[in-house]
PDB file of N, CA and C in Angstrom:
ATOM      1  N   GLU A   1     -14.259 -19.893 -28.368  1.00  0.00           N
ATOM      2  CA  GLU A   1     -13.422 -18.730 -28.180  1.00  0.00           C
ATOM      3  C   GLU A   1     -13.800 -17.928 -26.942  1.00  0.00           C
ATOM      4  N   THR A   2     -15.008 -18.038 -26.477  1.00  0.00           N
ATOM      5  CA  THR A   2     -15.423 -17.261 -25.309  1.00  0.00           C
ATOM      6  C   THR A   2     -14.835 -17.815 -24.021  1.00  0.00           C
ATOM      7  N   GLU A   3     -14.459 -19.073 -24.025  1.00  0.00           N
ATOM      8  CA  GLU A   3     -13.896 -19.691 -22.810  1.00  0.00           C
ATOM      9  C   GLU A   3     -12.606 -19.022 -22.344  1.00  0.00           C
ATOM     10  N   PRO A   4     -11.606 -18.792 -23.179  1.00  0.00           N
ATOM     11  CA  PRO A   4     -10.385 -18.111 -22.718  1.00  0.00           C
ATOM     12  C   PRO A   4     -10.654 -16.682 -22.244  1.00  0.00           C
ATOM     13  N   GLU A   5     -11.568 -15.989 -22.928  1.00  0.00           N
ATOM     14  CA  GLU A   5     -11.904 -14.633 -22.498  1.00  0.00           C
ATOM     15  C   GLU A   5     -12.531 -14.650 -21.115  1.00  0.00           C
ATOM     16  N   HIS A   6     -13.406 -15.611 -20.898  1.00  0.00           N
ATOM     17  CA  HIS A   6     -14.069 -15.715 -19.601  1.00  0.00           C
ATOM     18  C   HIS A   6     -13.058 -16.019 -18.499  1.00  0.00           C
ATOM     19  N   SER A   7     -12.162 -16.939 -18.738  1.00  0.00           N
ATOM     20  CA  SER A   7     -11.185 -17.287 -17.706  1.00  0.00           C
ATOM     21  C   SER A   7     -10.222 -16.130 -17.445  1.00  0.00           C
ATOM     22  N   PHE A   8      -9.883 -15.377 -18.501  1.00  0.00           N
ATOM     23  CA  PHE A   8      -9.016 -14.221 -18.296  1.00  0.00           C
ATOM     24  C   PHE A   8      -9.731 -13.149 -17.477  1.00  0.00           C
ATOM     25  N   SER A   9     -10.977 -12.876 -17.801  1.00  0.00           N
ATOM     26  CA  SER A   9     -11.715 -11.862 -17.045  1.00  0.00           C
ATOM     27  C   SER A   9     -11.916 -12.305 -15.595  1.00  0.00           C
ATOM     28  N   GLN A  10     -12.130 -13.593 -15.377  1.00  0.00           N
ATOM     29  CA  GLN A  10     -12.259 -14.104 -14.010  1.00  0.00           C
ATOM     30  C   GLN A  10     -10.938 -13.977 -13.266  1.00  0.00           C
ATOM     31  N   LEU A  11      -9.854 -14.306 -13.941  1.00  0.00           N
ATOM     32  CA  LEU A  11      -8.525 -14.177 -13.353  1.00  0.00           C
ATOM     33  C   LEU A  11      -8.235 -12.717 -12.988  1.00  0.00           C
ATOM     34  N   LEU A  12      -8.565 -11.816 -13.881  1.00  0.00           N
ATOM     35  CA  LEU A  12      -8.370 -10.389 -13.630  1.00  0.00           C
ATOM     36  C   LEU A  12      -9.230  -9.920 -12.458  1.00  0.00           C
ATOM     37  N   HIS A  13     -10.463 -10.346 -12.423  1.00  0.00           N
ATOM     38  CA  HIS A  13     -11.363  -9.993 -11.327  1.00  0.00           C
ATOM     39  C   HIS A  13     -10.820 -10.497  -9.993  1.00  0.00           C
ATOM     40  N   ASP A  14     -10.386 -11.737  -9.957  1.00  0.00           N
ATOM     41  CA  ASP A  14      -9.837 -12.316  -8.728  1.00  0.00           C
ATOM     42  C   ASP A  14      -8.590 -11.566  -8.268  1.00  0.00           C
ATOM     43  N   HIS A  15      -7.744 -11.237  -9.217  1.00  0.00           N
ATOM     44  CA  HIS A  15      -6.510 -10.510  -8.893  1.00  0.00           C
ATOM     45  C   HIS A  15      -6.826  -9.130  -8.312  1.00  0.00           C
ATOM     46  N   LEU A  16      -7.737  -8.407  -8.934  1.00  0.00           N
ATOM     47  CA  LEU A  16      -8.092  -7.072  -8.440  1.00  0.00           C
ATOM     48  C   LEU A  16      -8.785  -7.142  -7.081  1.00  0.00           C
ATOM     49  N   SER A  17      -9.583  -8.157  -6.871  1.00  0.00           N
ATOM     50  CA  SER A  17     -10.228  -8.343  -5.564  1.00  0.00           C
ATOM     51  C   SER A  17      -9.195  -8.589  -4.474  1.00  0.00           C
ATOM     52  N   LEU A  18      -8.194  -9.391  -4.795  1.00  0.00           N
ATOM     53  CA  LEU A  18      -7.108  -9.647  -3.845  1.00  0.00           C
ATOM     54  C   LEU A  18      -6.323  -8.373  -3.543  1.00  0.00           C
ATOM     55  N   LEU A  19      -6.044  -7.596  -4.575  1.00  0.00           N
ATOM     56  CA  LEU A  19      -5.342  -6.323  -4.372  1.00  0.00           C
ATOM     57  C   LEU A  19      -6.134  -5.396  -3.459  1.00  0.00           C
ATOM     58  N   LEU A  20      -7.429  -5.348  -3.673  1.00  0.00           N
ATOM     59  CA  LEU A  20      -8.290  -4.512  -2.837  1.00  0.00           C
ATOM     60  C   LEU A  20      -8.187  -4.913  -1.368  1.00  0.00           C
ATOM     61  N   LYS A  21      -8.191  -6.199  -1.104  1.00  0.00           N
ATOM     62  CA  LYS A  21      -8.051  -6.683   0.276  1.00  0.00           C
ATOM     63  C   LYS A  21      -6.686  -6.337   0.859  1.00  0.00           C
ATOM     64  N   GLU A  22      -5.650  -6.414   0.042  1.00  0.00           N
ATOM     65  CA  GLU A  22      -4.293  -6.115   0.512  1.00  0.00           C
ATOM     66  C   GLU A  22      -4.103  -4.626   0.817  1.00  0.00           C
ATOM     67  N   PHE A  23      -4.752  -3.769   0.060  1.00  0.00           N
ATOM     68  CA  PHE A  23      -4.613  -2.326   0.256  1.00  0.00           C
ATOM     69  C   PHE A  23      -5.486  -1.782   1.387  1.00  0.00           C
ATOM     70  N   GLU A  24      -6.484  -2.519   1.808  1.00  0.00           N
ATOM     71  CA  GLU A  24      -7.429  -2.044   2.824  1.00  0.00           C
ATOM     72  C   GLU A  24      -6.757  -1.534   4.104  1.00  0.00           C
ATOM     73  N   PRO A  25      -5.749  -2.217   4.653  1.00  0.00           N
ATOM     74  CA  PRO A  25      -5.115  -1.684   5.872  1.00  0.00           C
ATOM     75  C   PRO A  25      -4.414  -0.338   5.655  1.00  0.00           C
ATOM     76  N   TYR A  26      -3.956  -0.104   4.450  1.00  0.00           N
ATOM     77  CA  TYR A  26      -3.227   1.129   4.164  1.00  0.00           C
ATOM     78  C   TYR A  26      -4.150   2.269   3.738  1.00  0.00           C
ATOM     79  N   PHE A  27      -5.225   1.931   3.077  1.00  0.00           N
ATOM     80  CA  PHE A  27      -6.184   2.915   2.582  1.00  0.00           C
ATOM     81  C   PHE A  27      -7.591   2.451   2.942  1.00  0.00           C
ATOM     82  N   PRO A  28      -7.978   2.579   4.208  1.00  0.00           N
ATOM     83  CA  PRO A  28      -9.277   2.056   4.638  1.00  0.00           C
ATOM     84  C   PRO A  28     -10.441   2.757   3.936  1.00  0.00           C
ATOM     85  N   THR A  29     -11.389   1.959   3.505  1.00  0.00           N
ATOM     86  CA  THR A  29     -12.569   2.506   2.848  1.00  0.00           C
ATOM     87  C   THR A  29     -13.720   2.677   3.829  1.00  0.00           C
ATOM     88  N   THR A  30     -13.618   2.069   4.986  1.00  0.00           N
ATOM     89  CA  THR A  30     -14.714   2.116   5.941  1.00  0.00           C
ATOM     90  C   THR A  30     -14.720   3.383   6.782  1.00  0.00           C
ATOM     91  N   LYS A  31     -13.549   3.912   7.128  1.00  0.00           N
ATOM     92  CA  LYS A  31     -13.483   5.101   7.972  1.00  0.00           C
ATOM     93  C   LYS A  31     -12.287   5.949   7.552  1.00  0.00           C
ATOM     94  N   ASP A  32     -12.508   7.240   7.479  1.00  0.00           N
ATOM     95  CA  ASP A  32     -11.429   8.162   7.129  1.00  0.00           C
ATOM     96  C   ASP A  32     -10.450   8.220   8.299  1.00  0.00           C
ATOM     97  N   PRO A  33      -9.182   7.856   8.091  1.00  0.00           N
ATOM     98  CA  PRO A  33      -8.218   7.836   9.200  1.00  0.00           C
ATOM     99  C   PRO A  33      -7.918   9.215   9.780  1.00  0.00           C
ATOM    100  N   ARG A  34      -8.317  10.275   9.085  1.00  0.00           N
ATOM    101  CA  ARG A  34      -8.095  11.627   9.610  1.00  0.00           C
ATOM    102  C   ARG A  34      -9.145  12.039  10.630  1.00  0.00           C
ATOM    103  N   THR A  35     -10.256  11.315  10.692  1.00  0.00           N
ATOM    104  CA  THR A  35     -11.331  11.657  11.612  1.00  0.00           C
ATOM    105  C   THR A  35     -10.832  11.617  13.048  1.00  0.00           C
ATOM    106  N   GLY A  36     -11.061  12.696  13.764  1.00  0.00           N
ATOM    107  CA  GLY A  36     -10.629  12.795  15.155  1.00  0.00           C
ATOM    108  C   GLY A  36      -9.211  13.293  15.320  1.00  0.00           C
ATOM    109  N   LYS A  37      -8.538  13.579  14.223  1.00  0.00           N
ATOM    110  CA  LYS A  37      -7.144  14.020  14.304  1.00  0.00           C
ATOM    111  C   LYS A  37      -6.937  15.395  13.665  1.00  0.00           C
ATOM    112  N   GLU A  38      -8.024  16.138  13.459  1.00  0.00           N
ATOM    113  CA  GLU A  38      -7.922  17.457  12.846  1.00  0.00           C
ATOM    114  C   GLU A  38      -7.074  18.397  13.686  1.00  0.00           C
ATOM    115  N   TRP A  39      -7.038  18.151  14.982  1.00  0.00           N
ATOM    116  CA  TRP A  39      -6.288  19.012  15.896  1.00  0.00           C
ATOM    117  C   TRP A  39      -4.791  18.998  15.599  1.00  0.00           C
ATOM    118  N   ILE A  40      -4.305  17.978  14.904  1.00  0.00           N
ATOM    119  CA  ILE A  40      -2.880  17.901  14.581  1.00  0.00           C
ATOM    120  C   ILE A  40      -2.498  19.043  13.636  1.00  0.00           C
ATOM    121  N   CYS A  41      -3.343  19.318  12.656  1.00  0.00           N
ATOM    122  CA  CYS A  41      -3.070  20.407  11.705  1.00  0.00           C
ATOM    123  C   CYS A  41      -3.418  21.767  12.284  1.00  0.00           C
ATOM    124  N   ASP A  42      -4.468  21.827  13.093  1.00  0.00           N
ATOM    125  CA  ASP A  42      -4.904  23.098  13.668  1.00  0.00           C
ATOM    126  C   ASP A  42      -5.435  22.836  15.079  1.00  0.00           C
ATOM    127  N   PRO A  43      -4.624  23.119  16.099  1.00  0.00           N
ATOM    128  CA  PRO A  43      -5.058  22.842  17.470  1.00  0.00           C
ATOM    129  C   PRO A  43      -6.195  23.742  17.940  1.00  0.00           C
ATOM    130  N   PHE A  44      -6.570  24.721  17.126  1.00  0.00           N
ATOM    131  CA  PHE A  44      -7.635  25.633  17.518  1.00  0.00           C
ATOM    132  C   PHE A  44      -8.984  25.226  16.944  1.00  0.00           C
ATOM    133  N   VAL A  45      -9.019  24.122  16.222  1.00  0.00           N
ATOM    134  CA  VAL A  45     -10.274  23.540  15.769  1.00  0.00           C
ATOM    135  C   VAL A  45     -10.714  22.599  16.875  1.00  0.00           C
ATOM    136  N   ASN A  46     -11.813  22.910  17.511  1.00  0.00           N
ATOM    137  CA  ASN A  46     -12.236  22.134  18.675  1.00  0.00           C
ATOM    138  C   ASN A  46     -13.357  21.176  18.284  1.00  0.00           C
ATOM    139  N   LYS A  47     -13.000  19.924  18.071  1.00  0.00           N
ATOM    140  CA  LYS A  47     -13.966  18.860  17.803  1.00  0.00           C
ATOM    141  C   LYS A  47     -13.671  17.718  18.763  1.00  0.00           C
ATOM    142  N   SER A  48     -13.732  17.988  20.028  1.00  0.00           N
ATOM    143  CA  SER A  48     -13.328  16.997  21.029  1.00  0.00           C
ATOM    144  C   SER A  48     -14.223  15.765  21.051  1.00  0.00           C
ATOM    145  N   ASP A  49     -15.460  15.879  20.564  1.00  0.00           N
ATOM    146  CA  ASP A  49     -16.346  14.718  20.572  1.00  0.00           C
ATOM    147  C   ASP A  49     -15.896  13.632  19.597  1.00  0.00           C
ATOM    148  N   GLU A  50     -15.108  13.987  18.585  1.00  0.00           N
ATOM    149  CA  GLU A  50     -14.620  13.006  17.618  1.00  0.00           C
ATOM    150  C   GLU A  50     -13.172  12.615  17.880  1.00  0.00           C
ATOM    151  N   SER A  51     -12.576  13.154  18.901  1.00  0.00           N
ATOM    152  CA  SER A  51     -11.151  12.982  19.132  1.00  0.00           C
ATOM    153  C   SER A  51     -10.815  11.574  19.607  1.00  0.00           C
ATOM    154  N   SER A  52      -9.624  11.134  19.239  1.00  0.00           N
ATOM    155  CA  SER A  52      -9.165   9.805  19.636  1.00  0.00           C
ATOM    156  C   SER A  52      -8.034   9.907  20.656  1.00  0.00           C
ATOM    157  N   ILE A  53      -8.030  10.975  21.458  1.00  0.00           N
ATOM    158  CA  ILE A  53      -6.968  11.177  22.444  1.00  0.00           C
ATOM    159  C   ILE A  53      -7.508  10.918  23.843  1.00  0.00           C
ATOM    160  N   SER A  54      -6.596  10.764  24.787  1.00  0.00           N
ATOM    161  CA  SER A  54      -6.988  10.467  26.164  1.00  0.00           C
ATOM    162  C   SER A  54      -7.584  11.712  26.826  1.00  0.00           C
ATOM    163  N   VAL A  55      -8.209  11.527  27.973  1.00  0.00           N
ATOM    164  CA  VAL A  55      -8.842  12.635  28.693  1.00  0.00           C
ATOM    165  C   VAL A  55      -7.822  13.694  29.117  1.00  0.00           C
ATOM    166  N   PRO A  56      -6.669  13.331  29.702  1.00  0.00           N
ATOM    167  CA  PRO A  56      -5.684  14.374  30.039  1.00  0.00           C
ATOM    168  C   PRO A  56      -5.180  15.135  28.810  1.00  0.00           C
ATOM    169  N   GLU A  57      -4.979  14.418  27.708  1.00  0.00           N
ATOM    170  CA  GLU A  57      -4.544  15.083  26.478  1.00  0.00           C
ATOM    171  C   GLU A  57      -5.636  16.011  25.950  1.00  0.00           C
ATOM    172  N   GLU A  58      -6.875  15.589  26.086  1.00  0.00           N
ATOM    173  CA  GLU A  58      -7.993  16.424  25.650  1.00  0.00           C
ATOM    174  C   GLU A  58      -8.079  17.693  26.492  1.00  0.00           C
ATOM    175  N   ASP A  59      -7.826  17.572  27.794  1.00  0.00           N
ATOM    176  CA  ASP A  59      -7.805  18.756  28.664  1.00  0.00           C
ATOM    177  C   ASP A  59      -6.718  19.734  28.238  1.00  0.00           C
ATOM    178  N   GLN A  60      -5.538  19.210  27.931  1.00  0.00           N
ATOM    179  CA  GLN A  60      -4.443  20.074  27.474  1.00  0.00           C
ATOM    180  C   GLN A  60      -4.793  20.735  26.146  1.00  0.00           C
ATOM    181  N   LEU A  61      -5.413  19.991  25.262  1.00  0.00           N
ATOM    182  CA  LEU A  61      -5.811  20.539  23.971  1.00  0.00           C
ATOM    183  C   LEU A  61      -6.845  21.649  24.150  1.00  0.00           C
ATOM    184  N   LEU A  62      -7.772  21.472  25.074  1.00  0.00           N
ATOM    185  CA  LEU A  62      -8.763  22.517  25.342  1.00  0.00           C
ATOM    186  C   LEU A  62      -8.102  23.781  25.870  1.00  0.00           C
ATOM    187  N   GLU A  63      -7.107  23.619  26.732  1.00  0.00           N
ATOM    188  CA  GLU A  63      -6.373  24.787  27.236  1.00  0.00           C
ATOM    189  C   GLU A  63      -5.674  25.516  26.097  1.00  0.00           C
ATOM    190  N   ILE A  64      -5.018  24.767  25.240  1.00  0.00           N
ATOM    191  CA  ILE A  64      -4.311  25.368  24.102  1.00  0.00           C
ATOM    192  C   ILE A  64      -5.299  26.057  23.159  1.00  0.00           C
ATOM    193  N   SER A  65      -6.391  25.379  22.844  1.00  0.00           N
ATOM    194  CA  SER A  65      -7.335  25.918  21.864  1.00  0.00           C
ATOM    195  C   SER A  65      -8.069  27.152  22.363  1.00  0.00           C
ATOM    196  N   ASN A  66      -8.082  27.384  23.671  1.00  0.00           N
ATOM    197  CA  ASN A  66      -8.737  28.572  24.226  1.00  0.00           C
ATOM    198  C   ASN A  66      -7.767  29.702  24.533  1.00  0.00           C
ATOM    199  N   ASP A  67      -6.504  29.539  24.195  1.00  0.00           N
ATOM    200  CA  ASP A  67      -5.489  30.570  24.429  1.00  0.00           C
ATOM    201  C   ASP A  67      -5.451  31.510  23.220  1.00  0.00           C
ATOM    202  N   ASP A  68      -6.048  32.706  23.374  1.00  0.00           N
ATOM    203  CA  ASP A  68      -6.131  33.650  22.254  1.00  0.00           C
ATOM    204  C   ASP A  68      -4.763  34.142  21.795  1.00  0.00           C
ATOM    205  N   GLY A  69      -3.837  34.337  22.714  1.00  0.00           N
ATOM    206  CA  GLY A  69      -2.495  34.774  22.346  1.00  0.00           C
ATOM    207  C   GLY A  69      -1.792  33.734  21.498  1.00  0.00           C
ATOM    208  N   LEU A  70      -1.927  32.490  21.895  1.00  0.00           N
ATOM    209  CA  LEU A  70      -1.321  31.392  21.147  1.00  0.00           C
ATOM    210  C   LEU A  70      -1.973  31.252  19.769  1.00  0.00           C
ATOM    211  N   LYS A  71      -3.289  31.454  19.723  1.00  0.00           N
ATOM    212  CA  LYS A  71      -4.003  31.373  18.449  1.00  0.00           C
ATOM    213  C   LYS A  71      -3.525  32.465  17.493  1.00  0.00           C
ATOM    214  N   THR A  72      -3.324  33.672  18.005  1.00  0.00           N
ATOM    215  CA  THR A  72      -2.825  34.770  17.174  1.00  0.00           C
ATOM    216  C   THR A  72      -1.440  34.443  16.632  1.00  0.00           C
ATOM    217  N   THR A  73      -0.582  33.906  17.483  1.00  0.00           N
ATOM    218  CA  THR A  73       0.756  33.510  17.046  1.00  0.00           C
ATOM    219  C   THR A  73       0.669  32.434  15.971  1.00  0.00           C
ATOM    220  N   PHE A  74      -0.214  31.473  16.153  1.00  0.00           N
ATOM    221  CA  PHE A  74      -0.398  30.388  15.186  1.00  0.00           C
ATOM    222  C   PHE A  74      -0.829  30.928  13.826  1.00  0.00           C
ATOM    223  N   GLU A  75      -1.726  31.917  13.850  1.00  0.00           N
ATOM    224  CA  GLU A  75      -2.260  32.464  12.599  1.00  0.00           C
ATOM    225  C   GLU A  75      -1.279  33.384  11.881  1.00  0.00           C
ATOM    226  N   THR A  76      -0.310  33.934  12.601  1.00  0.00           N
ATOM    227  CA  THR A  76       0.592  34.917  11.988  1.00  0.00           C
ATOM    228  C   THR A  76       1.996  34.385  11.714  1.00  0.00           C
ATOM    229  N   THR A  77       2.276  33.156  12.095  1.00  0.00           N
ATOM    230  CA  THR A  77       3.602  32.588  11.837  1.00  0.00           C
ATOM    231  C   THR A  77       3.472  31.304  11.029  1.00  0.00           C
ATOM    232  N   THR A  78       4.587  30.852  10.514  1.00  0.00           N
ATOM    233  CA  THR A  78       4.580  29.583   9.785  1.00  0.00           C
ATOM    234  C   THR A  78       4.552  28.433  10.784  1.00  0.00           C
ATOM    235  N   LEU A  79       4.137  27.288  10.328  1.00  0.00           N
ATOM    236  CA  LEU A  79       4.022  26.126  11.208  1.00  0.00           C
ATOM    237  C   LEU A  79       5.346  25.723  11.848  1.00  0.00           C
ATOM    238  N   PRO A  80       6.464  25.676  11.109  1.00  0.00           N
ATOM    239  CA  PRO A  80       7.736  25.316  11.759  1.00  0.00           C
ATOM    240  C   PRO A  80       8.158  26.308  12.849  1.00  0.00           C
ATOM    241  N   VAL A  81       7.851  27.592  12.646  1.00  0.00           N
ATOM    242  CA  VAL A  81       8.201  28.599  13.651  1.00  0.00           C
ATOM    243  C   VAL A  81       7.309  28.457  14.873  1.00  0.00           C
ATOM    244  N   PHE A  82       6.044  28.128  14.644  1.00  0.00           N
ATOM    245  CA  PHE A  82       5.098  27.985  15.738  1.00  0.00           C
ATOM    246  C   PHE A  82       5.536  26.857  16.652  1.00  0.00           C
TER     247      PHE A  82
END
C-alpha cells in the first residue's frame, strides 16, 4: 500500500517543482524586481547607486530630486495631478 502513496507524493513533488521553475521569470526569488526603481514611485528618494537607469537619465533624476519647489508640489498634490 505504501507504493501508490510514494508515487503520488513523488508526482506531486515533481509537479510543484516544475511550477516553481515556470513561475520564476514572473516572480523572481533571487532579486527583488523593484530594486533600483524606487524613483518611479517617489522621484525625491535618491538612491542612485542602486539605479538601473542610464547616466543621462540619472542626471535628470538628480535635477528633479533636488528641486524643492517640485518636491513641495509632489507632497501636496495627488499623483495624477503631479
